Each structure stands twice: as structure tokens, then as C-alpha cells.
Amino acid sequence: MKNIFKILWKIVFIVLYPFITLFSLFFTGVILLLSHLSAFLARLSAAGGLEEEKEEEWQTFLHLEGLQLSKRKIDEVLFGPPYFQLNASPRFPDLQQHVWGQFHFTCFEGALLQKWHSVKEHELEAFDLVYIDPVRRRLKKLCTLPTYDWEVRQLDAERVLLEWFNGKERMVIRAADLV
């Protein structure tokens, strides 16, 4: 009985071997063809033969008293938020020199903005919360916050509450402190 299975196995292997070999060669050929096609398209794209993605345009970001902020997307943090370049009309000093997040919170006469120190992966643990004062035409750094677990709320007309680290730490921003 053992010999019969051995003989049958050899016959099946001899009959199927050419088909297995042809399938392997066909599969390898398809992979090779797709690889060459991908390399060709990459070279064509790098040479400018294909249309590249349209460069991001300036979009309205925020209107403040006598100041209009526009944003242009620079890129996105890997698995994270996009970051922007800001521009103001009329011109505002120091605005274009920094990288900004998409957060903004209008309060008092101006707004709170998220200013990134850097977009390098190992430097993303914190950012600066900045107050933009359109009347005095200046930026004022209020504090450095962790990237996650924070929120801003308006308490009343003169105070804004800032909480981070799940409510364990908080800061009250008063309009009088921003002058």
C-alpha cells in the first residue's frame, strides 16, 4: 500500500511539475513587468512628463479687526495634522517666518494661534500658543503646550481658560494680561 502512494505521488508530481513551473515563470514575469512599468512612470513623473499636484493656493484663514489672515498648506505631519504658512493683509511682521497649525481661537480683540517649533518628528511634543494682536500689530507667546490633551474655552468677556494634561494643569488668560 505504501508503494502505491509513493508511485501515485511521483506520477502526480511528474504530471503537475510543468504546470507549477509555468505558473511560477508567469507570476515572476508579471511581477517583473509591473516593476519596470512602475520605474518608467516614476522617471516620467520626475522628468515632468506627468502633471504634478497643484501647488496649494492661499485660502482665507481668519478675519480680525483690520487684519485678514490667509493660510497655505505646506505639508502634513506623518499621521498628524497639516501645517501652514500664514500671510496677513495688511502686512504683519514675523508671521511668515514661522510654521503654524490649523488651530485658532478668536478672543478679545485678536486670536490664539498654534505656532510649531519645528515639524521634525522628534520635536513635535510641544508647540507655542501665541496671541496675535491686530491693533498693536504684534505676536505674544503665552505658553508652550503639549501637542495633545489640551483645550481652550471662553469663561467670560475678559477671561479664557486653557487646560492641558487632562485638566490637571490650567491657565487663565485675561485680556488685561495681553496689553
N, C-alpha and C. Protein backbone atom coordinates (compact mmCIF):
# COMPACT_ATOMS: atom_id res chain seq x y z
N MET A 1 0.81 -1.18 0.00
CA MET A 1 0.00 0.00 0.00
C MET A 1 0.87 1.26 0.00
N LYS A 2 1.97 1.19 0.78
CA LYS A 2 2.87 2.33 0.86
C LYS A 2 3.51 2.62 -0.50
N ASN A 3 3.82 1.55 -1.23
CA ASN A 3 4.42 1.71 -2.54
C ASN A 3 3.47 2.34 -3.53
N ILE A 4 2.16 2.03 -3.40
CA ILE A 4 1.19 2.57 -4.34
C ILE A 4 1.09 4.09 -4.18
N PHE A 5 1.06 4.57 -2.93
CA PHE A 5 1.02 6.03 -2.69
C PHE A 5 2.28 6.71 -3.19
N LYS A 6 3.41 6.04 -3.02
CA LYS A 6 4.67 6.60 -3.49
C LYS A 6 4.68 6.71 -5.01
N ILE A 7 4.19 5.69 -5.67
CA ILE A 7 4.14 5.69 -7.14
C ILE A 7 3.14 6.75 -7.62
N LEU A 8 1.95 6.85 -6.97
CA LEU A 8 0.96 7.85 -7.35
C LEU A 8 1.51 9.28 -7.16
N TRP A 9 2.21 9.48 -6.04
CA TRP A 9 2.79 10.79 -5.78
C TRP A 9 3.79 11.18 -6.86
N LYS A 10 4.62 10.24 -7.28
CA LYS A 10 5.60 10.52 -8.33
C LYS A 10 4.90 10.84 -9.64
N ILE A 11 3.83 10.11 -9.96
CA ILE A 11 3.09 10.36 -11.21
C ILE A 11 2.44 11.75 -11.17
N VAL A 12 1.79 12.08 -10.06
CA VAL A 12 1.15 13.39 -9.93
C VAL A 12 2.20 14.49 -10.02
N PHE A 13 3.33 14.30 -9.35
CA PHE A 13 4.38 15.31 -9.38
C PHE A 13 4.93 15.48 -10.80
N ILE A 14 5.16 14.37 -11.50
CA ILE A 14 5.70 14.42 -12.87
C ILE A 14 4.69 15.12 -13.79
N VAL A 15 3.41 14.84 -13.61
CA VAL A 15 2.39 15.46 -14.47
C VAL A 15 2.21 16.94 -14.15
N LEU A 16 2.20 17.31 -12.87
CA LEU A 16 1.94 18.69 -12.47
C LEU A 16 3.19 19.58 -12.48
N TYR A 17 4.37 19.03 -12.50
CA TYR A 17 5.60 19.82 -12.43
C TYR A 17 5.67 20.86 -13.55
N PRO A 18 5.39 20.52 -14.79
CA PRO A 18 5.45 21.56 -15.84
C PRO A 18 4.45 22.70 -15.59
N PHE A 19 3.27 22.39 -15.07
CA PHE A 19 2.28 23.43 -14.80
C PHE A 19 2.74 24.35 -13.64
N ILE A 20 3.31 23.74 -12.62
CA ILE A 20 3.82 24.52 -11.50
C ILE A 20 4.95 25.43 -11.97
N THR A 21 5.84 24.89 -12.80
CA THR A 21 6.95 25.68 -13.34
C THR A 21 6.45 26.82 -14.21
N LEU A 22 5.48 26.54 -15.09
CA LEU A 22 4.92 27.59 -15.96
C LEU A 22 4.24 28.68 -15.13
N PHE A 23 3.48 28.29 -14.12
CA PHE A 23 2.83 29.28 -13.26
C PHE A 23 3.87 30.15 -12.57
N SER A 24 4.94 29.55 -12.06
CA SER A 24 6.00 30.31 -11.38
C SER A 24 6.66 31.29 -12.33
N LEU A 25 6.97 30.83 -13.55
CA LEU A 25 7.58 31.72 -14.53
C LEU A 25 6.63 32.85 -14.93
N PHE A 26 5.35 32.52 -15.13
CA PHE A 26 4.36 33.53 -15.48
C PHE A 26 4.23 34.57 -14.35
N PHE A 27 4.13 34.13 -13.11
CA PHE A 27 4.00 35.02 -11.96
C PHE A 27 5.22 35.92 -11.84
N THR A 28 6.41 35.36 -11.99
CA THR A 28 7.65 36.14 -11.93
C THR A 28 7.67 37.18 -13.06
N GLY A 29 7.23 36.79 -14.25
CA GLY A 29 7.19 37.72 -15.39
C GLY A 29 6.23 38.87 -15.14
N VAL A 30 5.07 38.60 -14.58
CA VAL A 30 4.10 39.67 -14.29
C VAL A 30 4.69 40.64 -13.27
N ILE A 31 5.32 40.12 -12.22
CA ILE A 31 5.94 40.99 -11.20
C ILE A 31 7.04 41.82 -11.83
N LEU A 32 7.86 41.24 -12.67
CA LEU A 32 8.94 41.96 -13.34
C LEU A 32 8.38 43.06 -14.25
N LEU A 33 7.32 42.75 -14.99
CA LEU A 33 6.69 43.72 -15.87
C LEU A 33 6.13 44.90 -15.06
N LEU A 34 5.44 44.62 -13.96
CA LEU A 34 4.90 45.70 -13.12
C LEU A 34 6.01 46.54 -12.50
N SER A 35 7.10 45.92 -12.14
CA SER A 35 8.24 46.64 -11.58
C SER A 35 8.83 47.61 -12.61
N HIS A 36 9.01 47.15 -13.83
CA HIS A 36 9.56 48.02 -14.89
C HIS A 36 8.57 49.14 -15.23
N LEU A 37 7.29 48.84 -15.26
CA LEU A 37 6.29 49.85 -15.53
C LEU A 37 6.30 50.92 -14.43
N SER A 38 6.41 50.52 -13.19
CA SER A 38 6.47 51.46 -12.07
C SER A 38 7.71 52.34 -12.16
N ALA A 39 8.85 51.76 -12.47
CA ALA A 39 10.09 52.54 -12.61
C ALA A 39 9.98 53.53 -13.76
N PHE A 40 9.37 53.13 -14.86
CA PHE A 40 9.19 54.01 -16.01
C PHE A 40 8.30 55.20 -15.64
N LEU A 41 7.18 54.93 -14.96
CA LEU A 41 6.28 56.00 -14.56
C LEU A 41 6.93 56.94 -13.56
N ALA A 42 7.77 56.41 -12.69
CA ALA A 42 8.48 57.26 -11.73
C ALA A 42 9.45 58.18 -12.44
N ARG A 43 10.18 57.67 -13.42
CA ARG A 43 11.10 58.51 -14.20
C ARG A 43 10.34 59.56 -14.99
N LEU A 44 9.21 59.17 -15.58
CA LEU A 44 8.40 60.09 -16.36
C LEU A 44 7.84 61.20 -15.49
N SER A 45 7.41 60.86 -14.30
CA SER A 45 6.87 61.85 -13.36
C SER A 45 7.97 62.79 -12.89
N ALA A 46 9.16 62.27 -12.61
CA ALA A 46 10.27 63.10 -12.15
C ALA A 46 10.74 64.05 -13.24
N ALA A 47 10.62 63.64 -14.49
CA ALA A 47 11.04 64.47 -15.60
C ALA A 47 10.00 65.53 -15.93
N GLY A 48 8.86 65.49 -15.28
CA GLY A 48 7.82 66.48 -15.52
C GLY A 48 6.88 66.08 -16.63
N GLY A 49 6.92 64.86 -17.05
CA GLY A 49 6.06 64.40 -18.12
C GLY A 49 4.61 64.26 -17.69
N LEU A 50 4.37 64.00 -16.42
CA LEU A 50 3.02 63.93 -15.90
C LEU A 50 2.73 65.19 -15.10
N GLU A 51 1.47 65.57 -15.03
CA GLU A 51 1.11 66.74 -14.25
C GLU A 51 1.39 66.49 -12.78
N GLU A 52 2.08 67.42 -12.16
CA GLU A 52 2.33 67.30 -10.73
C GLU A 52 1.14 67.86 -9.98
N GLU A 53 1.06 67.55 -8.69
CA GLU A 53 -0.04 68.07 -7.89
C GLU A 53 0.01 69.58 -7.90
N LYS A 54 -1.16 70.16 -7.96
CA LYS A 54 -1.28 71.61 -7.98
C LYS A 54 -0.78 72.18 -6.65
N GLU A 55 0.05 73.19 -6.74
CA GLU A 55 0.57 73.83 -5.52
C GLU A 55 -0.60 74.45 -4.76
N GLU A 56 -0.56 74.31 -3.46
CA GLU A 56 -1.64 74.83 -2.63
C GLU A 56 -1.75 76.35 -2.80
N GLU A 57 -2.96 76.82 -2.86
CA GLU A 57 -3.24 78.24 -3.01
C GLU A 57 -3.50 78.85 -1.63
N TRP A 58 -3.39 80.15 -1.56
CA TRP A 58 -3.71 80.87 -0.33
C TRP A 58 -5.21 80.82 -0.12
N GLN A 59 -5.62 80.49 1.11
CA GLN A 59 -7.03 80.44 1.47
C GLN A 59 -7.25 81.34 2.68
N THR A 60 -8.44 81.92 2.76
CA THR A 60 -8.77 82.75 3.92
C THR A 60 -8.77 81.89 5.17
N PHE A 61 -8.10 82.35 6.19
CA PHE A 61 -7.96 81.61 7.44
C PHE A 61 -8.75 82.26 8.57
N LEU A 62 -8.62 83.58 8.71
CA LEU A 62 -9.20 84.26 9.86
C LEU A 62 -9.34 85.75 9.56
N HIS A 63 -10.45 86.33 9.97
CA HIS A 63 -10.66 87.77 9.87
C HIS A 63 -10.62 88.35 11.27
N LEU A 64 -9.75 89.31 11.48
CA LEU A 64 -9.68 90.03 12.75
C LEU A 64 -9.91 91.51 12.47
N GLU A 65 -9.96 92.29 13.50
CA GLU A 65 -10.21 93.72 13.35
C GLU A 65 -9.10 94.37 12.51
N GLY A 66 -9.43 94.69 11.26
CA GLY A 66 -8.48 95.34 10.37
C GLY A 66 -7.38 94.44 9.85
N LEU A 67 -7.52 93.14 9.99
CA LEU A 67 -6.47 92.20 9.57
C LEU A 67 -7.10 90.93 9.02
N GLN A 68 -6.66 90.53 7.85
CA GLN A 68 -7.14 89.28 7.28
C GLN A 68 -5.95 88.33 7.15
N LEU A 69 -6.10 87.14 7.75
CA LEU A 69 -5.05 86.13 7.69
C LEU A 69 -5.40 85.10 6.62
N SER A 70 -4.40 84.74 5.83
CA SER A 70 -4.54 83.70 4.82
C SER A 70 -3.55 82.60 5.15
N LYS A 71 -3.90 81.38 4.74
CA LYS A 71 -3.02 80.25 5.01
C LYS A 71 -2.75 79.50 3.72
N ARG A 72 -1.58 78.88 3.67
CA ARG A 72 -1.22 77.99 2.57
C ARG A 72 -0.62 76.73 3.17
N LYS A 73 -1.20 75.60 2.82
CA LYS A 73 -0.73 74.33 3.36
C LYS A 73 0.67 74.03 2.86
N ILE A 74 1.55 73.72 3.79
CA ILE A 74 2.92 73.34 3.43
C ILE A 74 2.99 71.84 3.26
N ASP A 75 2.54 71.12 4.29
CA ASP A 75 2.59 69.65 4.27
C ASP A 75 1.80 69.14 5.47
N GLU A 76 1.92 67.85 5.73
CA GLU A 76 1.28 67.25 6.89
C GLU A 76 2.32 66.49 7.70
N VAL A 77 2.13 66.49 9.00
CA VAL A 77 2.94 65.66 9.88
C VAL A 77 2.50 64.22 9.64
N LEU A 78 3.43 63.30 9.61
CA LEU A 78 3.10 61.89 9.39
C LEU A 78 2.08 61.43 10.44
N PHE A 79 0.93 60.97 10.00
CA PHE A 79 -0.18 60.55 10.87
C PHE A 79 -0.65 61.68 11.77
N GLY A 80 -0.52 62.90 11.32
CA GLY A 80 -0.90 64.03 12.15
C GLY A 80 -1.54 65.15 11.35
N PRO A 81 -1.59 66.33 11.95
CA PRO A 81 -2.28 67.44 11.32
C PRO A 81 -1.45 68.12 10.23
N PRO A 82 -2.11 68.88 9.39
CA PRO A 82 -1.36 69.68 8.41
C PRO A 82 -0.73 70.89 9.10
N TYR A 83 0.27 71.47 8.46
CA TYR A 83 0.84 72.71 8.96
C TYR A 83 0.91 73.70 7.82
N PHE A 84 0.89 75.00 8.19
CA PHE A 84 0.66 76.05 7.22
C PHE A 84 1.66 77.19 7.33
N GLN A 85 1.70 77.95 6.26
CA GLN A 85 2.39 79.23 6.25
C GLN A 85 1.27 80.27 6.30
N LEU A 86 1.44 81.32 7.09
CA LEU A 86 0.41 82.35 7.20
C LEU A 86 0.90 83.64 6.55
N ASN A 87 -0.07 84.38 6.06
CA ASN A 87 0.17 85.66 5.44
C ASN A 87 -0.92 86.61 5.91
N ALA A 88 -0.62 87.88 6.03
CA ALA A 88 -1.61 88.83 6.50
C ALA A 88 -1.75 90.00 5.54
N SER A 89 -2.96 90.53 5.52
CA SER A 89 -3.23 91.72 4.74
C SER A 89 -3.96 92.70 5.65
N PRO A 90 -3.42 93.86 5.96
CA PRO A 90 -2.11 94.37 5.56
C PRO A 90 -0.97 93.58 6.21
N ARG A 91 0.21 93.78 5.69
CA ARG A 91 1.38 93.01 6.10
C ARG A 91 1.57 93.05 7.62
N PHE A 92 1.91 91.87 8.17
CA PHE A 92 2.11 91.73 9.61
C PHE A 92 3.51 91.18 9.84
N PRO A 93 4.32 91.83 10.69
CA PRO A 93 5.70 91.37 10.89
C PRO A 93 5.75 89.99 11.57
N ASP A 94 6.75 89.23 11.24
CA ASP A 94 7.07 87.93 11.86
C ASP A 94 6.07 86.80 11.58
N LEU A 95 5.07 87.01 10.77
CA LEU A 95 4.05 85.99 10.58
C LEU A 95 4.52 84.88 9.64
N GLN A 96 5.19 85.27 8.57
CA GLN A 96 5.61 84.27 7.57
C GLN A 96 6.86 83.51 7.97
N GLN A 97 7.52 83.91 9.03
CA GLN A 97 8.77 83.26 9.43
C GLN A 97 8.54 81.97 10.20
N HIS A 98 7.30 81.65 10.54
CA HIS A 98 7.01 80.50 11.39
C HIS A 98 6.11 79.49 10.69
N VAL A 99 6.02 78.31 11.28
CA VAL A 99 5.12 77.26 10.82
C VAL A 99 3.94 77.22 11.77
N TRP A 100 2.73 77.23 11.23
CA TRP A 100 1.53 77.36 12.04
C TRP A 100 0.64 76.13 11.91
N GLY A 101 -0.09 75.81 12.96
CA GLY A 101 -1.08 74.75 12.94
C GLY A 101 -2.42 75.29 12.49
N GLN A 102 -3.40 74.40 12.39
CA GLN A 102 -4.71 74.84 11.91
C GLN A 102 -5.61 75.39 13.02
N PHE A 103 -5.18 75.31 14.26
CA PHE A 103 -5.97 75.80 15.39
C PHE A 103 -5.98 77.32 15.42
N HIS A 104 -7.15 77.89 15.67
CA HIS A 104 -7.27 79.30 16.01
C HIS A 104 -8.48 79.48 16.92
N PHE A 105 -8.38 80.42 17.83
CA PHE A 105 -9.46 80.70 18.77
C PHE A 105 -9.56 82.21 18.90
N THR A 106 -10.63 82.78 18.41
CA THR A 106 -10.83 84.22 18.46
C THR A 106 -11.25 84.62 19.87
N CYS A 107 -10.52 85.57 20.43
CA CYS A 107 -10.86 86.08 21.76
C CYS A 107 -10.34 87.50 21.90
N PHE A 108 -11.03 88.26 22.74
CA PHE A 108 -10.69 89.65 22.98
C PHE A 108 -10.67 90.38 21.64
N GLU A 109 -9.61 91.08 21.29
CA GLU A 109 -9.55 91.77 20.00
C GLU A 109 -8.81 90.95 18.96
N GLY A 110 -8.12 89.88 19.38
CA GLY A 110 -7.28 89.11 18.46
C GLY A 110 -7.65 87.65 18.43
N ALA A 111 -6.63 86.81 18.36
CA ALA A 111 -6.86 85.37 18.30
C ALA A 111 -5.67 84.61 18.86
N LEU A 112 -5.95 83.40 19.35
CA LEU A 112 -4.90 82.49 19.78
C LEU A 112 -4.55 81.60 18.59
N LEU A 113 -3.26 81.42 18.33
CA LEU A 113 -2.80 80.60 17.22
C LEU A 113 -1.80 79.57 17.72
N GLN A 114 -1.66 78.51 16.96
CA GLN A 114 -0.77 77.40 17.29
C GLN A 114 0.50 77.54 16.44
N LYS A 115 1.63 77.85 17.08
CA LYS A 115 2.90 78.03 16.37
C LYS A 115 3.81 76.84 16.66
N TRP A 116 4.16 76.09 15.63
CA TRP A 116 5.02 74.92 15.79
C TRP A 116 6.47 75.36 15.87
N HIS A 117 7.23 74.73 16.76
CA HIS A 117 8.67 74.98 16.85
C HIS A 117 9.36 74.44 15.62
N SER A 118 8.93 73.24 15.23
CA SER A 118 9.53 72.54 14.11
C SER A 118 8.55 71.45 13.68
N VAL A 119 8.73 70.92 12.48
CA VAL A 119 7.87 69.82 12.04
C VAL A 119 8.66 68.52 11.97
N LYS A 120 9.85 68.52 12.56
CA LYS A 120 10.62 67.28 12.64
C LYS A 120 9.96 66.36 13.65
N GLU A 121 9.93 65.08 13.33
CA GLU A 121 9.17 64.11 14.13
C GLU A 121 9.56 64.12 15.61
N HIS A 122 10.85 64.23 15.90
CA HIS A 122 11.29 64.17 17.30
C HIS A 122 11.10 65.50 18.04
N GLU A 123 10.63 66.54 17.36
CA GLU A 123 10.44 67.85 18.00
C GLU A 123 8.97 68.25 18.05
N LEU A 124 8.06 67.28 17.94
CA LEU A 124 6.64 67.58 17.87
C LEU A 124 5.91 67.47 19.20
N GLU A 125 6.61 67.32 20.29
CA GLU A 125 5.93 67.12 21.56
C GLU A 125 5.21 68.36 22.05
N ALA A 126 5.61 69.53 21.59
CA ALA A 126 5.01 70.76 22.11
C ALA A 126 4.97 71.83 21.03
N PHE A 127 4.15 72.83 21.27
CA PHE A 127 4.06 73.99 20.39
C PHE A 127 3.82 75.22 21.27
N ASP A 128 3.96 76.38 20.68
CA ASP A 128 3.70 77.63 21.40
C ASP A 128 2.28 78.09 21.11
N LEU A 129 1.60 78.53 22.14
CA LEU A 129 0.31 79.18 21.96
C LEU A 129 0.60 80.68 21.92
N VAL A 130 0.22 81.30 20.82
CA VAL A 130 0.58 82.69 20.56
C VAL A 130 -0.69 83.52 20.41
N TYR A 131 -0.67 84.71 20.97
CA TYR A 131 -1.78 85.64 20.79
C TYR A 131 -1.39 86.65 19.73
N ILE A 132 -2.22 86.79 18.71
CA ILE A 132 -1.97 87.78 17.67
C ILE A 132 -2.85 88.99 17.97
N ASP A 133 -2.20 90.12 18.12
CA ASP A 133 -2.90 91.36 18.45
C ASP A 133 -2.93 92.24 17.19
N PRO A 134 -4.08 92.33 16.53
CA PRO A 134 -4.13 93.10 15.28
C PRO A 134 -4.06 94.61 15.49
N VAL A 135 -4.44 95.09 16.67
CA VAL A 135 -4.42 96.53 16.93
C VAL A 135 -2.98 97.00 17.15
N ARG A 136 -2.24 96.29 18.00
CA ARG A 136 -0.85 96.67 18.29
C ARG A 136 0.14 96.04 17.31
N ARG A 137 -0.37 95.20 16.42
CA ARG A 137 0.42 94.56 15.36
C ARG A 137 1.61 93.79 15.93
N ARG A 138 1.31 92.87 16.86
CA ARG A 138 2.38 92.06 17.44
C ARG A 138 1.88 90.67 17.79
N LEU A 139 2.84 89.75 17.94
CA LEU A 139 2.58 88.40 18.41
C LEU A 139 3.11 88.29 19.83
N LYS A 140 2.35 87.63 20.68
CA LYS A 140 2.81 87.46 22.06
C LYS A 140 2.71 85.98 22.41
N LYS A 141 3.85 85.38 22.75
CA LYS A 141 3.86 83.98 23.17
C LYS A 141 3.28 83.89 24.58
N LEU A 142 2.26 83.05 24.75
CA LEU A 142 1.63 82.90 26.06
C LEU A 142 2.21 81.74 26.84
N CYS A 143 2.39 80.61 26.17
CA CYS A 143 2.93 79.44 26.86
C CYS A 143 3.29 78.37 25.83
N THR A 144 3.96 77.34 26.29
CA THR A 144 4.26 76.18 25.47
C THR A 144 3.37 75.05 25.95
N LEU A 145 2.65 74.44 25.00
CA LEU A 145 1.69 73.39 25.34
C LEU A 145 2.12 72.05 24.75
N PRO A 146 1.68 70.96 25.37
CA PRO A 146 1.91 69.65 24.76
C PRO A 146 1.04 69.52 23.51
N THR A 147 1.45 68.68 22.61
CA THR A 147 0.74 68.53 21.35
C THR A 147 -0.68 68.01 21.56
N TYR A 148 -0.87 67.14 22.53
CA TYR A 148 -2.17 66.52 22.74
C TYR A 148 -2.74 66.88 24.10
N ASP A 149 -4.02 66.63 24.26
CA ASP A 149 -4.73 66.79 25.53
C ASP A 149 -4.73 68.21 26.06
N TRP A 150 -5.28 69.13 25.31
CA TRP A 150 -5.44 70.48 25.77
C TRP A 150 -6.71 71.05 25.14
N GLU A 151 -7.25 72.06 25.77
CA GLU A 151 -8.43 72.73 25.22
C GLU A 151 -8.49 74.17 25.69
N VAL A 152 -9.22 74.98 24.93
CA VAL A 152 -9.37 76.40 25.23
C VAL A 152 -10.87 76.68 25.30
N ARG A 153 -11.29 77.43 26.34
CA ARG A 153 -12.70 77.81 26.50
C ARG A 153 -12.79 79.27 26.92
N GLN A 154 -13.82 79.93 26.44
CA GLN A 154 -14.10 81.30 26.85
C GLN A 154 -14.87 81.24 28.16
N LEU A 155 -14.34 81.83 29.22
CA LEU A 155 -15.04 81.86 30.51
C LEU A 155 -16.04 83.01 30.54
N ASP A 156 -15.56 84.19 30.17
CA ASP A 156 -16.42 85.37 30.08
C ASP A 156 -15.74 86.34 29.13
N ALA A 157 -16.25 87.56 29.06
CA ALA A 157 -15.72 88.53 28.09
C ALA A 157 -14.27 88.91 28.35
N GLU A 158 -13.80 88.70 29.58
CA GLU A 158 -12.44 89.12 29.93
C GLU A 158 -11.48 87.97 30.21
N ARG A 159 -11.96 86.72 30.19
CA ARG A 159 -11.09 85.60 30.55
C ARG A 159 -11.29 84.41 29.61
N VAL A 160 -10.18 83.73 29.35
CA VAL A 160 -10.16 82.49 28.57
C VAL A 160 -9.44 81.45 29.41
N LEU A 161 -10.01 80.25 29.48
CA LEU A 161 -9.40 79.17 30.25
C LEU A 161 -8.67 78.22 29.31
N LEU A 162 -7.48 77.87 29.70
CA LEU A 162 -6.64 76.96 28.93
C LEU A 162 -6.33 75.77 29.82
N GLU A 163 -6.70 74.56 29.43
CA GLU A 163 -6.45 73.35 30.22
C GLU A 163 -5.64 72.37 29.40
N TRP A 164 -4.70 71.69 30.07
CA TRP A 164 -3.94 70.65 29.40
C TRP A 164 -3.61 69.53 30.37
N PHE A 165 -3.08 68.44 29.83
CA PHE A 165 -2.79 67.23 30.61
C PHE A 165 -4.04 66.76 31.36
N ASN A 166 -5.12 66.62 30.63
CA ASN A 166 -6.39 66.09 31.16
C ASN A 166 -6.93 66.90 32.33
N GLY A 167 -6.77 68.20 32.28
CA GLY A 167 -7.36 69.07 33.29
C GLY A 167 -6.55 69.22 34.55
N LYS A 168 -5.38 68.61 34.65
CA LYS A 168 -4.56 68.72 35.86
C LYS A 168 -3.89 70.08 35.95
N GLU A 169 -3.55 70.65 34.80
CA GLU A 169 -2.92 71.96 34.78
C GLU A 169 -3.83 72.90 34.02
N ARG A 170 -3.89 74.13 34.46
CA ARG A 170 -4.72 75.10 33.77
C ARG A 170 -4.09 76.48 33.87
N MET A 171 -4.53 77.32 32.95
CA MET A 171 -4.03 78.69 32.91
C MET A 171 -5.20 79.57 32.50
N VAL A 172 -5.39 80.66 33.18
CA VAL A 172 -6.43 81.61 32.82
C VAL A 172 -5.75 82.79 32.14
N ILE A 173 -6.21 83.10 30.94
CA ILE A 173 -5.66 84.22 30.18
C ILE A 173 -6.65 85.38 30.32
N ARG A 174 -6.16 86.51 30.80
CA ARG A 174 -7.01 87.69 30.96
C ARG A 174 -6.68 88.70 29.88
N ALA A 175 -7.68 89.40 29.43
CA ALA A 175 -7.48 90.41 28.39
C ALA A 175 -6.46 91.46 28.85
N ALA A 176 -6.50 91.81 30.13
CA ALA A 176 -5.58 92.82 30.65
C ALA A 176 -4.12 92.35 30.57
N ASP A 177 -3.87 91.03 30.63
CA ASP A 177 -2.51 90.50 30.56
C ASP A 177 -1.92 90.59 29.16
N LEU A 178 -2.76 90.79 28.16
CA LEU A 178 -2.28 90.78 26.77
C LEU A 178 -1.92 92.17 26.28
N VAL A 179 -2.11 93.17 27.09
CA VAL A 179 -1.80 94.54 26.67
C VAL A 179 -0.32 94.80 26.77
